[in-house]
Amino acid sequence: MTREAEVDARASELLGQVLRETTTNILRHAQATHVQITLTGSGITIVNDGATDTTPPELRGLAALRQRVAGDGGELTVEQQQGRFRTAATFPAVRADAERSDGR
């Protein structure tokens, strides 16, 4: 796990839900031997190996979270390629607001 920055309080709850749902999916659907979680000021990325080359299973929990994340101005992306599965939730507007308040 890599923690690059503190998470904005507005996004924290949704990012926790994304982490919980993704780890549940890893335990149920993957044969993962490695999981990398990266937390930044604007989001979270979870990458695991052990994804099958077949079509990914229907991930209803992530589909519902995609709508919730979008409703808060963020984006949830899910990708599968070369035996890896990547889930990322980002809130670009939150990061831009934090940078403005820091004077960057």
PDB file of N, CA and C in Angstrom:
ATOM      1  N   MET A   1       0.858  -1.171   0.000  1.00  0.00           N
ATOM      2  CA  MET A   1       0.000   0.000   0.000  1.00  0.00           C
ATOM      3  C   MET A   1       0.896   1.222   0.000  1.00  0.00           C
ATOM      4  N   THR A   2       0.542   2.170  -0.840  1.00  0.00           N
ATOM      5  CA  THR A   2       1.265   3.427  -0.926  1.00  0.00           C
ATOM      6  C   THR A   2       0.285   4.553  -0.637  1.00  0.00           C
ATOM      7  N   ARG A   3       0.640   5.383   0.327  1.00  0.00           N
ATOM      8  CA  ARG A   3      -0.205   6.532   0.668  1.00  0.00           C
ATOM      9  C   ARG A   3       0.584   7.784   0.330  1.00  0.00           C
ATOM     10  N   GLU A   4       0.194   8.421  -0.765  1.00  0.00           N
ATOM     11  CA  GLU A   4       0.921   9.582  -1.255  1.00  0.00           C
ATOM     12  C   GLU A   4       0.442  10.886  -0.640  1.00  0.00           C
ATOM     13  N   ALA A   5      -0.788  10.910  -0.147  1.00  0.00           N
ATOM     14  CA  ALA A   5      -1.346  12.149   0.406  1.00  0.00           C
ATOM     15  C   ALA A   5      -2.577  11.830   1.231  1.00  0.00           C
ATOM     16  N   GLU A   6      -3.009  12.802   1.993  1.00  0.00           N
ATOM     17  CA  GLU A   6      -4.268  12.685   2.719  1.00  0.00           C
ATOM     18  C   GLU A   6      -5.417  12.800   1.726  1.00  0.00           C
ATOM     19  N   VAL A   7      -6.473  12.102   1.999  1.00  0.00           N
ATOM     20  CA  VAL A   7      -7.647  12.131   1.139  1.00  0.00           C
ATOM     21  C   VAL A   7      -8.584  13.222   1.617  1.00  0.00           C
ATOM     22  N   ASP A   8      -9.173  13.927   0.684  1.00  0.00           N
ATOM     23  CA  ASP A   8     -10.164  14.938   1.004  1.00  0.00           C
ATOM     24  C   ASP A   8     -11.322  14.283   1.746  1.00  0.00           C
ATOM     25  N   ALA A   9     -11.786  14.914   2.790  1.00  0.00           N
ATOM     26  CA  ALA A   9     -12.857  14.339   3.617  1.00  0.00           C
ATOM     27  C   ALA A   9     -14.121  14.048   2.811  1.00  0.00           C
ATOM     28  N   ARG A  10     -14.418  14.885   1.809  1.00  0.00           N
ATOM     29  CA  ARG A  10     -15.630  14.667   0.996  1.00  0.00           C
ATOM     30  C   ARG A  10     -15.550  13.367   0.207  1.00  0.00           C
ATOM     31  N   ALA A  11     -14.359  13.010  -0.225  1.00  0.00           N
ATOM     32  CA  ALA A  11     -14.196  11.813  -1.056  1.00  0.00           C
ATOM     33  C   ALA A  11     -13.882  10.570  -0.221  1.00  0.00           C
ATOM     34  N   SER A  12     -13.492  10.739   1.021  1.00  0.00           N
ATOM     35  CA  SER A  12     -13.011   9.641   1.851  1.00  0.00           C
ATOM     36  C   SER A  12     -14.000   8.480   1.963  1.00  0.00           C
ATOM     37  N   GLU A  13     -15.244   8.759   2.213  1.00  0.00           N
ATOM     38  CA  GLU A  13     -16.236   7.692   2.387  1.00  0.00           C
ATOM     39  C   GLU A  13     -16.407   6.872   1.116  1.00  0.00           C
ATOM     40  N   LEU A  14     -16.530   7.544  -0.024  1.00  0.00           N
ATOM     41  CA  LEU A  14     -16.689   6.821  -1.286  1.00  0.00           C
ATOM     42  C   LEU A  14     -15.441   6.012  -1.628  1.00  0.00           C
ATOM     43  N   LEU A  15     -14.267   6.561  -1.359  1.00  0.00           N
ATOM     44  CA  LEU A  15     -13.043   5.822  -1.644  1.00  0.00           C
ATOM     45  C   LEU A  15     -12.949   4.586  -0.760  1.00  0.00           C
ATOM     46  N   GLY A  16     -13.405   4.677   0.478  1.00  0.00           N
ATOM     47  CA  GLY A  16     -13.456   3.510   1.354  1.00  0.00           C
ATOM     48  C   GLY A  16     -14.389   2.448   0.808  1.00  0.00           C
ATOM     49  N   GLN A  17     -15.510   2.870   0.247  1.00  0.00           N
ATOM     50  CA  GLN A  17     -16.453   1.916  -0.345  1.00  0.00           C
ATOM     51  C   GLN A  17     -15.850   1.253  -1.571  1.00  0.00           C
ATOM     52  N   VAL A  18     -15.124   2.021  -2.368  1.00  0.00           N
ATOM     53  CA  VAL A  18     -14.460   1.449  -3.542  1.00  0.00           C
ATOM     54  C   VAL A  18     -13.424   0.422  -3.097  1.00  0.00           C
ATOM     55  N   LEU A  19     -12.650   0.732  -2.075  1.00  0.00           N
ATOM     56  CA  LEU A  19     -11.653  -0.197  -1.565  1.00  0.00           C
ATOM     57  C   LEU A  19     -12.305  -1.485  -1.056  1.00  0.00           C
ATOM     58  N   ARG A  20     -13.368  -1.355  -0.281  1.00  0.00           N
ATOM     59  CA  ARG A  20     -14.053  -2.547   0.248  1.00  0.00           C
ATOM     60  C   ARG A  20     -14.622  -3.409  -0.874  1.00  0.00           C
ATOM     61  N   GLU A  21     -15.299  -2.797  -1.816  1.00  0.00           N
ATOM     62  CA  GLU A  21     -15.912  -3.550  -2.913  1.00  0.00           C
ATOM     63  C   GLU A  21     -14.838  -4.221  -3.771  1.00  0.00           C
ATOM     64  N   THR A  22     -13.766  -3.514  -4.050  1.00  0.00           N
ATOM     65  CA  THR A  22     -12.704  -4.074  -4.881  1.00  0.00           C
ATOM     66  C   THR A  22     -12.003  -5.236  -4.188  1.00  0.00           C
ATOM     67  N   THR A  23     -11.708  -5.095  -2.906  1.00  0.00           N
ATOM     68  CA  THR A  23     -11.045  -6.206  -2.206  1.00  0.00           C
ATOM     69  C   THR A  23     -11.970  -7.409  -2.105  1.00  0.00           C
ATOM     70  N   THR A  24     -13.262  -7.188  -1.943  1.00  0.00           N
ATOM     71  CA  THR A  24     -14.216  -8.300  -1.949  1.00  0.00           C
ATOM     72  C   THR A  24     -14.177  -9.010  -3.295  1.00  0.00           C
ATOM     73  N   ASN A  25     -14.158  -8.236  -4.387  1.00  0.00           N
ATOM     74  CA  ASN A  25     -14.105  -8.835  -5.725  1.00  0.00           C
ATOM     75  C   ASN A  25     -12.808  -9.616  -5.933  1.00  0.00           C
ATOM     76  N   ILE A  26     -11.696  -9.102  -5.415  1.00  0.00           N
ATOM     77  CA  ILE A  26     -10.420  -9.807  -5.549  1.00  0.00           C
ATOM     78  C   ILE A  26     -10.511 -11.166  -4.855  1.00  0.00           C
ATOM     79  N   LEU A  27     -11.055 -11.166  -3.650  1.00  0.00           N
ATOM     80  CA  LEU A  27     -11.165 -12.420  -2.902  1.00  0.00           C
ATOM     81  C   LEU A  27     -12.112 -13.410  -3.567  1.00  0.00           C
ATOM     82  N   ARG A  28     -13.162 -12.916  -4.196  1.00  0.00           N
ATOM     83  CA  ARG A  28     -14.162 -13.810  -4.808  1.00  0.00           C
ATOM     84  C   ARG A  28     -13.829 -14.255  -6.223  1.00  0.00           C
ATOM     85  N   HIS A  29     -13.203 -13.375  -7.011  1.00  0.00           N
ATOM     86  CA  HIS A  29     -13.098 -13.631  -8.447  1.00  0.00           C
ATOM     87  C   HIS A  29     -11.682 -13.803  -8.983  1.00  0.00           C
ATOM     88  N   ALA A  30     -10.668 -13.432  -8.230  1.00  0.00           N
ATOM     89  CA  ALA A  30      -9.302 -13.483  -8.753  1.00  0.00           C
ATOM     90  C   ALA A  30      -8.493 -14.548  -8.025  1.00  0.00           C
ATOM     91  N   GLN A  31      -7.419 -14.902  -8.636  1.00  0.00           N
ATOM     92  CA  GLN A  31      -6.431 -15.782  -8.008  1.00  0.00           C
ATOM     93  C   GLN A  31      -5.187 -14.926  -7.737  1.00  0.00           C
ATOM     94  N   ALA A  32      -5.397 -13.803  -7.070  1.00  0.00           N
ATOM     95  CA  ALA A  32      -4.344 -12.802  -6.898  1.00  0.00           C
ATOM     96  C   ALA A  32      -3.245 -13.268  -5.952  1.00  0.00           C
ATOM     97  N   THR A  33      -2.014 -12.953  -6.345  1.00  0.00           N
ATOM     98  CA  THR A  33      -0.866 -13.146  -5.466  1.00  0.00           C
ATOM     99  C   THR A  33      -0.262 -11.807  -5.069  1.00  0.00           C
ATOM    100  N   HIS A  34      -0.685 -10.746  -5.760  1.00  0.00           N
ATOM    101  CA  HIS A  34      -0.169  -9.406  -5.481  1.00  0.00           C
ATOM    102  C   HIS A  34      -1.280  -8.378  -5.687  1.00  0.00           C
ATOM    103  N   VAL A  35      -1.422  -7.485  -4.720  1.00  0.00           N
ATOM    104  CA  VAL A  35      -2.378  -6.381  -4.819  1.00  0.00           C
ATOM    105  C   VAL A  35      -1.639  -5.104  -4.440  1.00  0.00           C
ATOM    106  N   GLN A  36      -1.734  -4.083  -5.271  1.00  0.00           N
ATOM    107  CA  GLN A  36      -1.116  -2.789  -4.981  1.00  0.00           C
ATOM    108  C   GLN A  36      -2.225  -1.747  -4.822  1.00  0.00           C
ATOM    109  N   ILE A  37      -2.242  -1.076  -3.682  1.00  0.00           N
ATOM    110  CA  ILE A  37      -3.225  -0.027  -3.406  1.00  0.00           C
ATOM    111  C   ILE A  37      -2.468   1.286  -3.302  1.00  0.00           C
ATOM    112  N   THR A  38      -2.886   2.271  -4.083  1.00  0.00           N
ATOM    113  CA  THR A  38      -2.257   3.584  -4.049  1.00  0.00           C
ATOM    114  C   THR A  38      -3.324   4.617  -3.726  1.00  0.00           C
ATOM    115  N   LEU A  39      -3.090   5.369  -2.665  1.00  0.00           N
ATOM    116  CA  LEU A  39      -4.011   6.407  -2.218  1.00  0.00           C
ATOM    117  C   LEU A  39      -3.352   7.755  -2.441  1.00  0.00           C
ATOM    118  N   THR A  40      -4.038   8.627  -3.177  1.00  0.00           N
ATOM    119  CA  THR A  40      -3.534   9.975  -3.428  1.00  0.00           C
ATOM    120  C   THR A  40      -4.539  10.985  -2.881  1.00  0.00           C
ATOM    121  N   GLY A  41      -4.217  12.237  -2.994  1.00  0.00           N
ATOM    122  CA  GLY A  41      -5.130  13.275  -2.540  1.00  0.00           C
ATOM    123  C   GLY A  41      -6.406  13.344  -3.347  1.00  0.00           C
ATOM    124  N   SER A  42      -6.391  12.759  -4.534  1.00  0.00           N
ATOM    125  CA  SER A  42      -7.573  12.848  -5.398  1.00  0.00           C
ATOM    126  C   SER A  42      -8.218  11.507  -5.709  1.00  0.00           C
ATOM    127  N   GLY A  43      -7.718  10.408  -5.122  1.00  0.00           N
ATOM    128  CA  GLY A  43      -8.354   9.139  -5.434  1.00  0.00           C
ATOM    129  C   GLY A  43      -7.610   7.933  -4.919  1.00  0.00           C
ATOM    130  N   ILE A  44      -8.031   6.783  -5.440  1.00  0.00           N
ATOM    131  CA  ILE A  44      -7.445   5.495  -5.058  1.00  0.00           C
ATOM    132  C   ILE A  44      -7.353   4.622  -6.303  1.00  0.00           C
ATOM    133  N   THR A  45      -6.274   3.843  -6.374  1.00  0.00           N
ATOM    134  CA  THR A  45      -6.087   2.880  -7.448  1.00  0.00           C
ATOM    135  C   THR A  45      -5.732   1.550  -6.818  1.00  0.00           C
ATOM    136  N   ILE A  46      -6.416   0.502  -7.256  1.00  0.00           N
ATOM    137  CA  ILE A  46      -6.152  -0.847  -6.772  1.00  0.00           C
ATOM    138  C   ILE A  46      -5.865  -1.707  -7.996  1.00  0.00           C
ATOM    139  N   VAL A  47      -4.691  -2.354  -8.009  1.00  0.00           N
ATOM    140  CA  VAL A  47      -4.297  -3.224  -9.115  1.00  0.00           C
ATOM    141  C   VAL A  47      -3.966  -4.586  -8.531  1.00  0.00           C
ATOM    142  N   ASN A  48      -4.533  -5.625  -9.125  1.00  0.00           N
ATOM    143  CA  ASN A  48      -4.214  -6.987  -8.690  1.00  0.00           C
ATOM    144  C   ASN A  48      -3.890  -7.860  -9.879  1.00  0.00           C
ATOM    145  N   ASP A  49      -3.077  -8.859  -9.613  1.00  0.00           N
ATOM    146  CA  ASP A  49      -2.820  -9.865 -10.632  1.00  0.00           C
ATOM    147  C   ASP A  49      -3.836 -10.982 -10.441  1.00  0.00           C
ATOM    148  N   GLY A  50      -3.685 -12.042 -11.183  1.00  0.00           N
ATOM    149  CA  GLY A  50      -4.570 -13.188 -11.026  1.00  0.00           C
ATOM    150  C   GLY A  50      -5.910 -13.062 -11.723  1.00  0.00           C
ATOM    151  N   ALA A  51      -6.066 -12.045 -12.574  1.00  0.00           N
ATOM    152  CA  ALA A  51      -7.309 -11.908 -13.342  1.00  0.00           C
ATOM    153  C   ALA A  51      -7.285 -12.909 -14.485  1.00  0.00           C
ATOM    154  N   THR A  52      -8.406 -13.546 -14.721  1.00  0.00           N
ATOM    155  CA  THR A  52      -8.478 -14.501 -15.821  1.00  0.00           C
ATOM    156  C   THR A  52      -8.549 -13.763 -17.143  1.00  0.00           C
ATOM    157  N   ASP A  53      -8.220 -14.454 -18.214  1.00  0.00           N
ATOM    158  CA  ASP A  53      -8.252 -13.840 -19.543  1.00  0.00           C
ATOM    159  C   ASP A  53      -9.650 -13.803 -20.142  1.00  0.00           C
ATOM    160  N   THR A  54     -10.600 -14.396 -19.433  1.00  0.00           N
ATOM    161  CA  THR A  54     -11.969 -14.388 -19.929  1.00  0.00           C
ATOM    162  C   THR A  54     -12.610 -13.038 -19.625  1.00  0.00           C
ATOM    163  N   THR A  55     -13.799 -12.860 -20.109  1.00  0.00           N
ATOM    164  CA  THR A  55     -14.542 -11.633 -19.837  1.00  0.00           C
ATOM    165  C   THR A  55     -14.718 -11.480 -18.337  1.00  0.00           C
ATOM    166  N   PRO A  56     -14.473 -10.271 -17.807  1.00  0.00           N
ATOM    167  CA  PRO A  56     -14.627 -10.104 -16.361  1.00  0.00           C
ATOM    168  C   PRO A  56     -16.066 -10.370 -15.936  1.00  0.00           C
ATOM    169  N   PRO A  57     -16.248 -10.846 -14.710  1.00  0.00           N
ATOM    170  CA  PRO A  57     -17.604 -11.109 -14.227  1.00  0.00           C
ATOM    171  C   PRO A  57     -18.373  -9.796 -14.084  1.00  0.00           C
ATOM    172  N   GLU A  58     -19.668  -9.906 -14.089  1.00  0.00           N
ATOM    173  CA  GLU A  58     -20.487  -8.722 -13.868  1.00  0.00           C
ATOM    174  C   GLU A  58     -20.250  -8.245 -12.434  1.00  0.00           C
ATOM    175  N   LEU A  59     -19.752  -7.054 -12.308  1.00  0.00           N
ATOM    176  CA  LEU A  59     -19.395  -6.508 -10.998  1.00  0.00           C
ATOM    177  C   LEU A  59     -20.426  -5.451 -10.622  1.00  0.00           C
ATOM    178  N   ARG A  60     -21.572  -5.912 -10.168  1.00  0.00           N
ATOM    179  CA  ARG A  60     -22.686  -5.011  -9.865  1.00  0.00           C
ATOM    180  C   ARG A  60     -22.334  -3.981  -8.809  1.00  0.00           C
ATOM    181  N   GLY A  61     -21.555  -4.382  -7.802  1.00  0.00           N
ATOM    182  CA  GLY A  61     -21.183  -3.441  -6.748  1.00  0.00           C
ATOM    183  C   GLY A  61     -20.383  -2.274  -7.287  1.00  0.00           C
ATOM    184  N   LEU A  62     -19.432  -2.562  -8.186  1.00  0.00           N
ATOM    185  CA  LEU A  62     -18.650  -1.482  -8.782  1.00  0.00           C
ATOM    186  C   LEU A  62     -19.492  -0.640  -9.725  1.00  0.00           C
ATOM    187  N   ALA A  63     -20.445  -1.253 -10.416  1.00  0.00           N
ATOM    188  CA  ALA A  63     -21.332  -0.496 -11.310  1.00  0.00           C
ATOM    189  C   ALA A  63     -22.155   0.507 -10.501  1.00  0.00           C
ATOM    190  N   ALA A  64     -22.659   0.089  -9.353  1.00  0.00           N
ATOM    191  CA  ALA A  64     -23.426   1.001  -8.496  1.00  0.00           C
ATOM    192  C   ALA A  64     -22.528   2.105  -7.947  1.00  0.00           C
ATOM    193  N   LEU A  65     -21.301   1.743  -7.567  1.00  0.00           N
ATOM    194  CA  LEU A  65     -20.374   2.757  -7.058  1.00  0.00           C
ATOM    195  C   LEU A  65     -19.968   3.740  -8.145  1.00  0.00           C
ATOM    196  N   ARG A  66     -19.876   3.270  -9.388  1.00  0.00           N
ATOM    197  CA  ARG A  66     -19.531   4.168 -10.496  1.00  0.00           C
ATOM    198  C   ARG A  66     -20.536   5.322 -10.559  1.00  0.00           C
ATOM    199  N   GLN A  67     -21.800   5.013 -10.396  1.00  0.00           N
ATOM    200  CA  GLN A  67     -22.833   6.056 -10.420  1.00  0.00           C
ATOM    201  C   GLN A  67     -22.701   6.997  -9.230  1.00  0.00           C
ATOM    202  N   ARG A  68     -22.423   6.456  -8.050  1.00  0.00           N
ATOM    203  CA  ARG A  68     -22.275   7.293  -6.856  1.00  0.00           C
ATOM    204  C   ARG A  68     -21.055   8.203  -6.960  1.00  0.00           C
ATOM    205  N   VAL A  69     -19.944   7.645  -7.456  1.00  0.00           N
ATOM    206  CA  VAL A  69     -18.728   8.435  -7.622  1.00  0.00           C
ATOM    207  C   VAL A  69     -18.970   9.545  -8.637  1.00  0.00           C
ATOM    208  N   ALA A  70     -19.625   9.224  -9.754  1.00  0.00           N
ATOM    209  CA  ALA A  70     -19.937  10.227 -10.773  1.00  0.00           C
ATOM    210  C   ALA A  70     -20.853  11.313 -10.216  1.00  0.00           C
ATOM    211  N   GLY A  71     -21.792  10.923  -9.360  1.00  0.00           N
ATOM    212  CA  GLY A  71     -22.694  11.888  -8.740  1.00  0.00           C
ATOM    213  C   GLY A  71     -21.967  12.881  -7.849  1.00  0.00           C
ATOM    214  N   ASP A  72     -20.771  12.508  -7.377  1.00  0.00           N
ATOM    215  CA  ASP A  72     -19.954  13.404  -6.557  1.00  0.00           C
ATOM    216  C   ASP A  72     -18.868  14.090  -7.379  1.00  0.00           C
ATOM    217  N   GLY A  73     -18.963  14.005  -8.705  1.00  0.00           N
ATOM    218  CA  GLY A  73     -18.016  14.690  -9.582  1.00  0.00           C
ATOM    219  C   GLY A  73     -16.761  13.898  -9.893  1.00  0.00           C
ATOM    220  N   GLY A  74     -16.738  12.612  -9.539  1.00  0.00           N
ATOM    221  CA  GLY A  74     -15.562  11.787  -9.791  1.00  0.00           C
ATOM    222  C   GLY A  74     -15.778  10.815 -10.925  1.00  0.00           C
ATOM    223  N   GLU A  75     -14.808   9.942 -11.074  1.00  0.00           N
ATOM    224  CA  GLU A  75     -14.873   8.927 -12.123  1.00  0.00           C
ATOM    225  C   GLU A  75     -14.317   7.618 -11.574  1.00  0.00           C
ATOM    226  N   LEU A  76     -15.009   6.531 -11.854  1.00  0.00           N
ATOM    227  CA  LEU A  76     -14.555   5.194 -11.475  1.00  0.00           C
ATOM    228  C   LEU A  76     -14.286   4.431 -12.758  1.00  0.00           C
ATOM    229  N   THR A  77     -13.058   3.930 -12.902  1.00  0.00           N
ATOM    230  CA  THR A  77     -12.702   3.164 -14.091  1.00  0.00           C
ATOM    231  C   THR A  77     -12.270   1.755 -13.668  1.00  0.00           C
ATOM    232  N   VAL A  78     -12.591   0.799 -14.514  1.00  0.00           N
ATOM    233  CA  VAL A  78     -12.243  -0.602 -14.291  1.00  0.00           C
ATOM    234  C   VAL A  78     -11.652  -1.123 -15.590  1.00  0.00           C
ATOM    235  N   GLU A  79     -10.450  -1.707 -15.499  1.00  0.00           N
ATOM    236  CA  GLU A  79      -9.775  -2.227 -16.682  1.00  0.00           C
ATOM    237  C   GLU A  79      -9.190  -3.598 -16.377  1.00  0.00           C
ATOM    238  N   GLN A  80      -9.216  -4.452 -17.371  1.00  0.00           N
ATOM    239  CA  GLN A  80      -8.588  -5.759 -17.241  1.00  0.00           C
ATOM    240  C   GLN A  80      -7.745  -6.005 -18.467  1.00  0.00           C
ATOM    241  N   GLN A  81      -6.445  -6.276 -18.263  1.00  0.00           N
ATOM    242  CA  GLN A  81      -5.581  -6.633 -19.373  1.00  0.00           C
ATOM    243  C   GLN A  81      -4.315  -7.312 -18.866  1.00  0.00           C
ATOM    244  N   GLN A  82      -3.839  -8.246 -19.635  1.00  0.00           N
ATOM    245  CA  GLN A  82      -2.607  -8.987 -19.361  1.00  0.00           C
ATOM    246  C   GLN A  82      -2.569  -9.572 -17.948  1.00  0.00           C
ATOM    247  N   GLY A  83      -3.680 -10.158 -17.530  1.00  0.00           N
ATOM    248  CA  GLY A  83      -3.730 -10.823 -16.234  1.00  0.00           C
ATOM    249  C   GLY A  83      -3.844  -9.897 -15.037  1.00  0.00           C
ATOM    250  N   ARG A  84      -4.022  -8.628 -15.286  1.00  0.00           N
ATOM    251  CA  ARG A  84      -4.152  -7.644 -14.199  1.00  0.00           C
ATOM    252  C   ARG A  84      -5.530  -6.987 -14.265  1.00  0.00           C
ATOM    253  N   PHE A  85      -6.033  -6.657 -13.091  1.00  0.00           N
ATOM    254  CA  PHE A  85      -7.317  -5.971 -12.979  1.00  0.00           C
ATOM    255  C   PHE A  85      -7.050  -4.676 -12.227  1.00  0.00           C
ATOM    256  N   ARG A  86      -7.506  -3.558 -12.799  1.00  0.00           N
ATOM    257  CA  ARG A  86      -7.254  -2.237 -12.222  1.00  0.00           C
ATOM    258  C   ARG A  86      -8.569  -1.525 -11.969  1.00  0.00           C
ATOM    259  N   THR A  87      -8.743  -1.053 -10.752  1.00  0.00           N
ATOM    260  CA  THR A  87      -9.899  -0.238 -10.386  1.00  0.00           C
ATOM    261  C   THR A  87      -9.353   1.098  -9.885  1.00  0.00           C
ATOM    262  N   ALA A  88      -9.872   2.192 -10.413  1.00  0.00           N
ATOM    263  CA  ALA A  88      -9.398   3.517  -9.990  1.00  0.00           C
ATOM    264  C   ALA A  88     -10.586   4.454  -9.829  1.00  0.00           C
ATOM    265  N   ALA A  89     -10.603   5.162  -8.713  1.00  0.00           N
ATOM    266  CA  ALA A  89     -11.607   6.199  -8.473  1.00  0.00           C
ATOM    267  C   ALA A  89     -10.867   7.512  -8.272  1.00  0.00           C
ATOM    268  N   THR A  90     -11.227   8.512  -9.053  1.00  0.00           N
ATOM    269  CA  THR A  90     -10.571   9.814  -8.944  1.00  0.00           C
ATOM    270  C   THR A  90     -11.600  10.921  -8.819  1.00  0.00           C
ATOM    271  N   PHE A  91     -11.181  11.949  -8.124  1.00  0.00           N
ATOM    272  CA  PHE A  91     -11.998  13.139  -7.937  1.00  0.00           C
ATOM    273  C   PHE A  91     -11.162  14.352  -8.326  1.00  0.00           C
ATOM    274  N   PRO A  92     -11.048  14.627  -9.639  1.00  0.00           N
ATOM    275  CA  PRO A  92     -10.182  15.723 -10.091  1.00  0.00           C
ATOM    276  C   PRO A  92     -10.574  17.082  -9.517  1.00  0.00           C
ATOM    277  N   ALA A  93     -11.855  17.338  -9.356  1.00  0.00           N
ATOM    278  CA  ALA A  93     -12.288  18.637  -8.826  1.00  0.00           C
ATOM    279  C   ALA A  93     -11.813  18.824  -7.392  1.00  0.00           C
ATOM    280  N   VAL A  94     -11.795  17.761  -6.606  1.00  0.00           N
ATOM    281  CA  VAL A  94     -11.330  17.837  -5.222  1.00  0.00           C
ATOM    282  C   VAL A  94      -9.862  18.209  -5.201  1.00  0.00           C
ATOM    283  N   ARG A  95      -9.053  17.583  -6.052  1.00  0.00           N
ATOM    284  CA  ARG A  95      -7.628  17.853  -6.100  1.00  0.00           C
ATOM    285  C   ARG A  95      -7.371  19.290  -6.540  1.00  0.00           C
ATOM    286  N   ALA A  96      -8.103  19.767  -7.528  1.00  0.00           N
ATOM    287  CA  ALA A  96      -7.923  21.136  -8.000  1.00  0.00           C
ATOM    288  C   ALA A  96      -8.266  22.129  -6.892  1.00  0.00           C
ATOM    289  N   ASP A  97      -9.315  21.864  -6.133  1.00  0.00           N
ATOM    290  CA  ASP A  97      -9.687  22.739  -5.009  1.00  0.00           C
ATOM    291  C   ASP A  97      -8.589  22.757  -3.959  1.00  0.00           C
ATOM    292  N   ALA A  98      -8.011  21.603  -3.643  1.00  0.00           N
ATOM    293  CA  ALA A  98      -6.951  21.522  -2.642  1.00  0.00           C
ATOM    294  C   ALA A  98      -5.711  22.273  -3.110  1.00  0.00           C
ATOM    295  N   GLU A  99      -5.376  22.165  -4.389  1.00  0.00           N
ATOM    296  CA  GLU A  99      -4.216  22.861  -4.903  1.00  0.00           C
ATOM    297  C   GLU A  99      -4.408  24.370  -4.868  1.00  0.00           C
ATOM    298  N   ARG A 100      -5.631  24.837  -5.170  1.00  0.00           N
ATOM    299  CA  ARG A 100      -5.889  26.270  -5.112  1.00  0.00           C
ATOM    300  C   ARG A 100      -5.747  26.787  -3.688  1.00  0.00           C
ATOM    301  N   SER A 101      -6.210  26.032  -2.708  1.00  0.00           N
ATOM    302  CA  SER A 101      -6.129  26.466  -1.323  1.00  0.00           C
ATOM    303  C   SER A 101      -4.691  26.426  -0.804  1.00  0.00           C
ATOM    304  N   ASP A 102      -3.821  25.592  -1.441  1.00  0.00           N
ATOM    305  CA  ASP A 102      -2.412  25.530  -1.078  1.00  0.00           C
ATOM    306  C   ASP A 102      -1.601  26.598  -1.823  1.00  0.00           C
ATOM    307  N   GLY A 103      -2.223  27.249  -2.791  1.00  0.00           N
ATOM    308  CA  GLY A 103      -1.544  28.253  -3.577  1.00  0.00           C
ATOM    309  C   GLY A 103      -0.702  27.693  -4.701  1.00  0.00           C
ATOM    310  N   ARG A 104      -0.910  26.444  -5.066  1.00  0.00           N
ATOM    311  CA  ARG A 104      -0.144  25.839  -6.175  1.00  0.00           C
ATOM    312  C   ARG A 104      -0.787  26.107  -7.488  1.00  0.00           C
TER     313      ARG A 104
END
